[in-house]
Amino acid sequence: MVEILLSGIVLGLVPITLIGLLMAAYFQYQRSKAAS
């Protein structure tokens, strides 16, 4: 039962983490482009 819960949490967090990283990298890129 615990394994199902953990796998569900992991599957839920992975896409959110990836999207968060992509957005952070994108905003970083936009800021450096605007600054230069």
N, C-alpha and C. Protein backbone atom coordinates (compact mmCIF):
# COMPACT_ATOMS: atom_id res chain seq x y z
N MET A 1 0.84 -1.20 0.00
CA MET A 1 0.00 0.00 0.00
C MET A 1 0.87 1.26 0.00
N VAL A 2 1.92 1.25 0.80
CA VAL A 2 2.80 2.43 0.89
C VAL A 2 3.51 2.67 -0.44
N GLU A 3 3.91 1.57 -1.10
CA GLU A 3 4.63 1.71 -2.37
C GLU A 3 3.77 2.43 -3.41
N ILE A 4 2.48 2.09 -3.45
CA ILE A 4 1.57 2.73 -4.40
C ILE A 4 1.49 4.24 -4.12
N LEU A 5 1.40 4.58 -2.84
CA LEU A 5 1.32 5.98 -2.44
C LEU A 5 2.60 6.72 -2.84
N LEU A 6 3.75 6.11 -2.55
CA LEU A 6 5.03 6.74 -2.87
C LEU A 6 5.20 6.91 -4.37
N SER A 7 4.85 5.87 -5.14
CA SER A 7 4.99 5.97 -6.60
C SER A 7 4.07 7.05 -7.14
N GLY A 8 2.89 7.19 -6.56
CA GLY A 8 1.96 8.24 -6.97
C GLY A 8 2.53 9.62 -6.69
N ILE A 9 3.14 9.78 -5.51
CA ILE A 9 3.75 11.07 -5.15
C ILE A 9 4.89 11.39 -6.11
N VAL A 10 5.75 10.39 -6.37
CA VAL A 10 6.89 10.60 -7.26
C VAL A 10 6.42 10.98 -8.66
N LEU A 11 5.44 10.22 -9.18
CA LEU A 11 4.92 10.51 -10.52
C LEU A 11 4.29 11.89 -10.58
N GLY A 12 3.72 12.35 -9.48
CA GLY A 12 3.14 13.68 -9.44
C GLY A 12 4.19 14.77 -9.35
N LEU A 13 5.27 14.50 -8.61
CA LEU A 13 6.29 15.53 -8.40
C LEU A 13 7.25 15.69 -9.57
N VAL A 14 7.57 14.60 -10.26
CA VAL A 14 8.56 14.67 -11.34
C VAL A 14 8.18 15.69 -12.42
N PRO A 15 6.97 15.65 -12.99
CA PRO A 15 6.62 16.64 -14.02
C PRO A 15 6.64 18.07 -13.49
N ILE A 16 6.18 18.26 -12.25
CA ILE A 16 6.17 19.60 -11.65
C ILE A 16 7.61 20.11 -11.50
N THR A 17 8.51 19.22 -11.06
CA THR A 17 9.91 19.61 -10.90
C THR A 17 10.53 19.98 -12.23
N LEU A 18 10.25 19.17 -13.27
CA LEU A 18 10.80 19.44 -14.61
C LEU A 18 10.28 20.77 -15.14
N ILE A 19 8.99 21.02 -14.99
CA ILE A 19 8.41 22.28 -15.46
C ILE A 19 9.02 23.45 -14.70
N GLY A 20 9.20 23.28 -13.40
CA GLY A 20 9.81 24.33 -12.58
C GLY A 20 11.22 24.65 -13.03
N LEU A 21 12.00 23.61 -13.32
CA LEU A 21 13.38 23.81 -13.79
C LEU A 21 13.40 24.50 -15.14
N LEU A 22 12.52 24.08 -16.05
CA LEU A 22 12.46 24.69 -17.38
C LEU A 22 12.08 26.16 -17.27
N MET A 23 11.11 26.47 -16.44
CA MET A 23 10.69 27.86 -16.27
C MET A 23 11.81 28.69 -15.66
N ALA A 24 12.50 28.15 -14.68
CA ALA A 24 13.61 28.87 -14.04
C ALA A 24 14.71 29.15 -15.06
N ALA A 25 15.04 28.15 -15.87
CA ALA A 25 16.08 28.32 -16.89
C ALA A 25 15.64 29.35 -17.93
N TYR A 26 14.37 29.31 -18.31
CA TYR A 26 13.84 30.24 -19.31
C TYR A 26 13.89 31.68 -18.81
N PHE A 27 13.45 31.90 -17.55
CA PHE A 27 13.48 33.25 -16.99
C PHE A 27 14.92 33.74 -16.83
N GLN A 28 15.83 32.84 -16.47
CA GLN A 28 17.25 33.18 -16.35
C GLN A 28 17.78 33.64 -17.70
N TYR A 29 17.41 32.91 -18.76
CA TYR A 29 17.84 33.21 -20.13
C TYR A 29 17.29 34.55 -20.57
N GLN A 30 16.01 34.78 -20.31
CA GLN A 30 15.37 36.05 -20.70
C GLN A 30 16.04 37.23 -19.99
N ARG A 31 16.35 37.05 -18.72
CA ARG A 31 16.95 38.13 -17.94
C ARG A 31 18.36 38.44 -18.46
N SER A 32 19.15 37.41 -18.73
CA SER A 32 20.52 37.63 -19.21
C SER A 32 20.49 38.26 -20.60
N LYS A 33 19.49 37.89 -21.41
CA LYS A 33 19.37 38.45 -22.76
C LYS A 33 18.98 39.93 -22.68
N ALA A 34 18.11 40.27 -21.74
CA ALA A 34 17.66 41.65 -21.59
C ALA A 34 18.78 42.52 -21.01
N ALA A 35 19.60 41.94 -20.13
CA ALA A 35 20.66 42.69 -19.48
C ALA A 35 21.78 43.04 -20.46
N SER A 36 22.10 42.13 -21.35
CA SER A 36 23.21 42.36 -22.28
C SER A 36 22.85 43.37 -23.37
